[in-house]
C-alpha atoms as a PDB file:
ATOM      1  CA  MET A   1     -64.268 -81.279-114.096  1.00  0.00           C
ATOM      2  CA  ILE A   2     -60.529 -81.379-114.750  1.00  0.00           C
ATOM      3  CA  ARG A   3     -58.199 -83.244-112.438  1.00  0.00           C
ATOM      4  CA  LYS A   4     -54.901 -85.082-112.482  1.00  0.00           C
ATOM      5  CA  ALA A   5     -55.207 -88.623-113.798  1.00  0.00           C
ATOM      6  CA  THR A   6     -55.311 -91.589-111.445  1.00  0.00           C
ATOM      7  CA  LEU A   7     -54.657 -95.276-111.910  1.00  0.00           C
ATOM      8  CA  LYS A   8     -58.333 -95.960-112.571  1.00  0.00           C
ATOM      9  CA  ASP A   9     -58.174 -93.628-115.618  1.00  0.00           C
ATOM     10  CA  VAL A  10     -55.403 -95.457-117.496  1.00  0.00           C
ATOM     11  CA  LYS A  11     -57.576 -97.672-119.712  1.00  0.00           C
ATOM     12  CA  GLU A  12     -59.808 -94.728-120.675  1.00  0.00           C
ATOM     13  CA  ILE A  13     -56.723 -92.634-121.452  1.00  0.00           C
ATOM     14  CA  GLN A  14     -55.425 -95.399-123.683  1.00  0.00           C
ATOM     15  CA  ARG A  15     -58.818 -95.749-125.403  1.00  0.00           C
ATOM     16  CA  LEU A  16     -58.782 -92.061-126.389  1.00  0.00           C
ATOM     17  CA  ILE A  17     -55.158 -92.252-127.498  1.00  0.00           C
ATOM     18  CA  LYS A  18     -55.883 -95.329-129.634  1.00  0.00           C
ATOM     19  CA  GLN A  19     -58.790 -93.572-131.321  1.00  0.00           C
ATOM     20  CA  TYR A  20     -56.600 -90.661-132.438  1.00  0.00           C
ATOM     21  CA  SER A  21     -53.349 -92.564-132.994  1.00  0.00           C
ATOM     22  CA  ALA A  22     -55.082 -94.985-135.376  1.00  0.00           C
ATOM     23  CA  ARG A  23     -55.638 -91.982-137.662  1.00  0.00           C
ATOM     24  CA  GLY A  24     -52.072 -90.738-137.179  1.00  0.00           C
ATOM     25  CA  ASP A  25     -53.194 -87.655-135.257  1.00  0.00           C
ATOM     26  CA  ILE A  26     -51.158 -88.396-132.112  1.00  0.00           C
ATOM     27  CA  LEU A  27     -48.465 -90.883-131.140  1.00  0.00           C
ATOM     28  CA  PRO A  28     -49.662 -94.249-129.861  1.00  0.00           C
ATOM     29  CA  ARG A  29     -48.917 -95.026-126.212  1.00  0.00           C
ATOM     30  CA  SER A  30     -48.686 -98.472-124.655  1.00  0.00           C
ATOM     31  CA  LEU A  31     -50.277 -99.144-121.292  1.00  0.00           C
ATOM     32  CA  ASN A  32     -46.764 -99.263-119.865  1.00  0.00           C
ATOM     33  CA  GLU A  33     -45.976 -95.782-121.243  1.00  0.00           C
ATOM     34  CA  ILE A  34     -49.203 -94.395-119.813  1.00  0.00           C
ATOM     35  CA  TYR A  35     -48.474 -95.873-116.388  1.00  0.00           C
ATOM     36  CA  ASP A  36     -44.892 -94.555-116.539  1.00  0.00           C
ATOM     37  CA  ASN A  37     -46.127 -91.058-117.405  1.00  0.00           C
ATOM     38  CA  LEU A  38     -49.429 -91.034-115.522  1.00  0.00           C
ATOM     39  CA  ARG A  39     -48.433 -87.987-113.481  1.00  0.00           C
ATOM     40  CA  ASP A  40     -48.158 -85.999-116.734  1.00  0.00           C
ATOM     41  CA  PHE A  41     -51.860 -86.450-117.549  1.00  0.00           C
ATOM     42  CA  PHE A  42     -54.880 -84.336-116.836  1.00  0.00           C
ATOM     43  CA  VAL A  43     -58.331 -85.770-117.500  1.00  0.00           C
ATOM     44  CA  PHE A  44     -61.646 -84.057-118.167  1.00  0.00           C
ATOM     45  CA  ILE A  45     -64.424 -85.950-116.406  1.00  0.00           C
ATOM     46  CA  ARG A  46     -68.125 -85.743-117.201  1.00  0.00           C
ATOM     47  CA  GLN A  47     -70.653 -88.098-115.636  1.00  0.00           C
ATOM     48  CA  LYS A  48     -67.793 -90.146-114.138  1.00  0.00           C
ATOM     49  CA  LYS A  49     -66.288 -90.804-117.583  1.00  0.00           C
ATOM     50  CA  VAL A  50     -62.999 -89.590-119.088  1.00  0.00           C
ATOM     51  CA  ILE A  51     -63.968 -87.508-122.110  1.00  0.00           C
ATOM     52  CA  GLY A  52     -60.716 -85.608-122.638  1.00  0.00           C
ATOM     53  CA  ILE A  53     -57.023 -85.940-121.875  1.00  0.00           C
ATOM     54  CA  CYS A  54     -53.871 -83.872-122.096  1.00  0.00           C
ATOM     55  CA  ALA A  55     -50.355 -84.445-120.820  1.00  0.00           C
ATOM     56  CA  LEU A  56     -47.640 -82.009-119.796  1.00  0.00           C
ATOM     57  CA  HIS A  57     -44.198 -83.551-120.126  1.00  0.00           C
ATOM     58  CA  ILE A  58     -41.137 -81.730-118.780  1.00  0.00           C
ATOM     59  CA  SER A  59     -38.500 -81.889-121.497  1.00  0.00           C
ATOM     60  CA  TRP A  60     -35.662 -79.735-120.228  1.00  0.00           C
ATOM     61  CA  ASP A  61     -34.656 -77.086-117.714  1.00  0.00           C
ATOM     62  CA  ASP A  62     -37.200 -74.512-118.875  1.00  0.00           C
ATOM     63  CA  LEU A  63     -39.123 -76.439-121.539  1.00  0.00           C
ATOM     64  CA  ALA A  64     -42.226 -78.631-121.445  1.00  0.00           C
ATOM     65  CA  GLU A  65     -44.267 -80.372-124.111  1.00  0.00           C
ATOM     66  CA  ILE A  66     -48.005 -80.723-124.514  1.00  0.00           C
ATOM     67  CA  ARG A  67     -48.726 -84.331-125.455  1.00  0.00           C
ATOM     68  CA  SER A  68     -51.718 -86.540-126.192  1.00  0.00           C
ATOM     69  CA  LEU A  69     -54.356 -83.817-126.265  1.00  0.00           C
ATOM     70  CA  ALA A  70     -57.557 -85.627-127.214  1.00  0.00           C
ATOM     71  CA  VAL A  71     -61.276 -85.131-126.636  1.00  0.00           C
ATOM     72  CA  ARG A  72     -63.993 -87.660-127.309  1.00  0.00           C
ATOM     73  CA  GLU A  73     -64.996 -87.187-130.936  1.00  0.00           C
ATOM     74  CA  ASP A  74     -68.657 -86.325-130.269  1.00  0.00           C
ATOM     75  CA  LEU A  75     -67.679 -83.629-127.741  1.00  0.00           C
ATOM     76  CA  ARG A  76     -65.078 -81.735-129.780  1.00  0.00           C
ATOM     77  CA  ASN A  77     -65.355 -77.972-130.334  1.00  0.00           C
ATOM     78  CA  LYS A  78     -66.972 -77.391-126.945  1.00  0.00           C
ATOM     79  CA  GLY A  79     -63.962 -75.867-125.166  1.00  0.00           C
ATOM     80  CA  ILE A  80     -62.839 -79.068-123.447  1.00  0.00           C
ATOM     81  CA  GLY A  81     -59.452 -79.161-125.195  1.00  0.00           C
ATOM     82  CA  ALA A  82     -58.868 -75.504-124.346  1.00  0.00           C
ATOM     83  CA  LYS A  83     -59.620 -76.144-120.678  1.00  0.00           C
ATOM     84  CA  LEU A  84     -57.257 -79.120-120.603  1.00  0.00           C
ATOM     85  CA  LEU A  85     -54.535 -77.065-122.261  1.00  0.00           C
ATOM     86  CA  GLU A  86     -55.072 -74.248-119.747  1.00  0.00           C
ATOM     87  CA  ALA A  87     -54.649 -76.744-116.891  1.00  0.00           C
ATOM     88  CA  CYS A  88     -51.312 -77.821-118.390  1.00  0.00           C
ATOM     89  CA  LEU A  89     -50.211 -74.208-118.851  1.00  0.00           C
ATOM     90  CA  LYS A  90     -51.116 -73.387-115.251  1.00  0.00           C
ATOM     91  CA  GLU A  91     -49.084 -76.340-114.010  1.00  0.00           C
ATOM     92  CA  SER A  92     -46.208 -75.227-116.254  1.00  0.00           C
ATOM     93  CA  ARG A  93     -46.215 -71.806-114.612  1.00  0.00           C
ATOM     94  CA  ASP A  94     -46.451 -73.358-111.144  1.00  0.00           C
ATOM     95  CA  LEU A  95     -43.389 -75.495-111.931  1.00  0.00           C
ATOM     96  CA  GLY A  96     -41.415 -72.543-113.269  1.00  0.00           C
ATOM     97  CA  VAL A  97     -41.413 -73.660-116.894  1.00  0.00           C
ATOM     98  CA  LYS A  98     -40.666 -70.769-119.251  1.00  0.00           C
ATOM     99  CA  ARG A  99     -41.640 -72.287-122.627  1.00  0.00           C
ATOM    100  CA  VAL A 100     -44.218 -74.863-123.674  1.00  0.00           C
ATOM    101  CA  PHE A 101     -44.314 -76.457-127.103  1.00  0.00           C
ATOM    102  CA  ALA A 102     -46.398 -78.962-129.026  1.00  0.00           C
ATOM    103  CA  LEU A 103     -46.035 -80.869-132.260  1.00  0.00           C
ATOM    104  CA  THR A 104     -49.443 -80.812-133.874  1.00  0.00           C
ATOM    105  CA  TYR A 105     -51.660 -81.097-136.917  1.00  0.00           C
ATOM    106  CA  GLN A 106     -53.969 -78.483-135.351  1.00  0.00           C
ATOM    107  CA  PRO A 107     -51.787 -75.349-135.180  1.00  0.00           C
ATOM    108  CA  GLU A 108     -54.831 -73.052-135.414  1.00  0.00           C
ATOM    109  CA  PHE A 109     -56.144 -74.393-132.098  1.00  0.00           C
ATOM    110  CA  PHE A 110     -52.830 -73.694-130.401  1.00  0.00           C
ATOM    111  CA  GLU A 111     -52.506 -70.267-132.015  1.00  0.00           C
ATOM    112  CA  LYS A 112     -55.879 -69.302-130.509  1.00  0.00           C
ATOM    113  CA  MET A 113     -54.338 -70.224-127.157  1.00  0.00           C
ATOM    114  CA  GLY A 114     -51.341 -67.900-127.647  1.00  0.00           C
ATOM    115  CA  PHE A 115     -48.863 -70.327-129.228  1.00  0.00           C
ATOM    116  CA  LYS A 116     -46.767 -69.329-132.243  1.00  0.00           C
ATOM    117  CA  LYS A 117     -45.477 -71.532-135.041  1.00  0.00           C
ATOM    118  CA  ILE A 118     -41.761 -72.231-134.812  1.00  0.00           C
ATOM    119  CA  ASP A 119     -39.134 -74.144-136.754  1.00  0.00           C
ATOM    120  CA  LYS A 120     -38.916 -77.683-135.293  1.00  0.00           C
ATOM    121  CA  ASN A 121     -35.148 -77.580-135.661  1.00  0.00           C
ATOM    122  CA  ILE A 122     -34.792 -75.118-132.780  1.00  0.00           C
ATOM    123  CA  LEU A 123     -36.123 -77.708-130.323  1.00  0.00           C
ATOM    124  CA  PRO A 124     -33.542 -79.693-128.326  1.00  0.00           C
ATOM    125  CA  HIS A 125     -32.561 -83.065-129.772  1.00  0.00           C
ATOM    126  CA  LYS A 126     -33.771 -84.722-126.577  1.00  0.00           C
ATOM    127  CA  ILE A 127     -37.404 -84.238-127.602  1.00  0.00           C
ATOM    128  CA  TRP A 128     -36.987 -86.362-130.732  1.00  0.00           C
ATOM    129  CA  THR A 129     -36.610 -89.593-128.723  1.00  0.00           C
ATOM    130  CA  GLU A 130     -40.401 -90.011-128.878  1.00  0.00           C
ATOM    131  CA  CYS A 131     -40.453 -89.432-132.620  1.00  0.00           C
ATOM    132  CA  VAL A 132     -38.723 -92.697-133.470  1.00  0.00           C
ATOM    133  CA  LYS A 133     -41.966 -94.452-132.450  1.00  0.00           C
ATOM    134  CA  CYS A 134     -43.900 -92.588-135.116  1.00  0.00           C
ATOM    135  CA  ILE A 135     -44.608 -94.224-138.471  1.00  0.00           C
ATOM    136  CA  LYS A 136     -43.839 -90.889-140.138  1.00  0.00           C
ATOM    137  CA  PHE A 137     -40.311 -90.675-138.728  1.00  0.00           C
ATOM    138  CA  PRO A 138     -38.043 -89.153-140.024  1.00  0.00           C
ATOM    139  CA  ASP A 139     -40.399 -87.348-142.417  1.00  0.00           C
ATOM    140  CA  CYS A 140     -42.446 -85.598-139.749  1.00  0.00           C
ATOM    141  CA  ASP A 141     -45.134 -83.328-141.114  1.00  0.00           C
ATOM    142  CA  GLU A 142     -46.345 -82.048-137.753  1.00  0.00           C
ATOM    143  CA  ILE A 143     -46.142 -78.345-137.074  1.00  0.00           C
ATOM    144  CA  ALA A 144     -44.213 -77.101-134.052  1.00  0.00           C
ATOM    145  CA  VAL A 145     -45.803 -74.409-131.910  1.00  0.00           C
ATOM    146  CA  MET A 146     -44.491 -72.743-128.776  1.00  0.00           C
ATOM    147  CA  LYS A 147     -45.749 -70.425-126.073  1.00  0.00           C
ATOM    148  CA  GLU A 148     -43.528 -68.274-123.886  1.00  0.00           C
ATOM    149  CA  LEU A 149     -44.910 -68.131-120.334  1.00  0.00           C
ATOM    150  CA  ASP A 150     -44.856 -65.149-117.997  1.00  0.00           C
END
């Protein structure tokens, strides 16, 4: 089941983020950041446990970012990430967002979902405020992908 995150999900969201951020796959997030952005998160629940997460962050007038997409390691490649991404894309459409992007090390996953690789430099400077928290800044090796919505 996919639903919007609630306060009781915060520690499980952070646990998944820590697992992937320790490897450098996604940006780390403090508890404070998760609480501040809780409304951005969707969670995938199975047997009352959070097994996947994905956040949709509005970046600009017609632009949103997919953030913190993570699925419990032992449950990857079962369509959970795709379902979480679809939930974010549906919310994007409902909000009137025209373009959704992600910075990722998994561009093939996003391409299967209709995203196309783009040059990071076309993204607004505002989105780079998160990047200063990354240990790889300013030498980012993530790949930018974007999807135009109907």
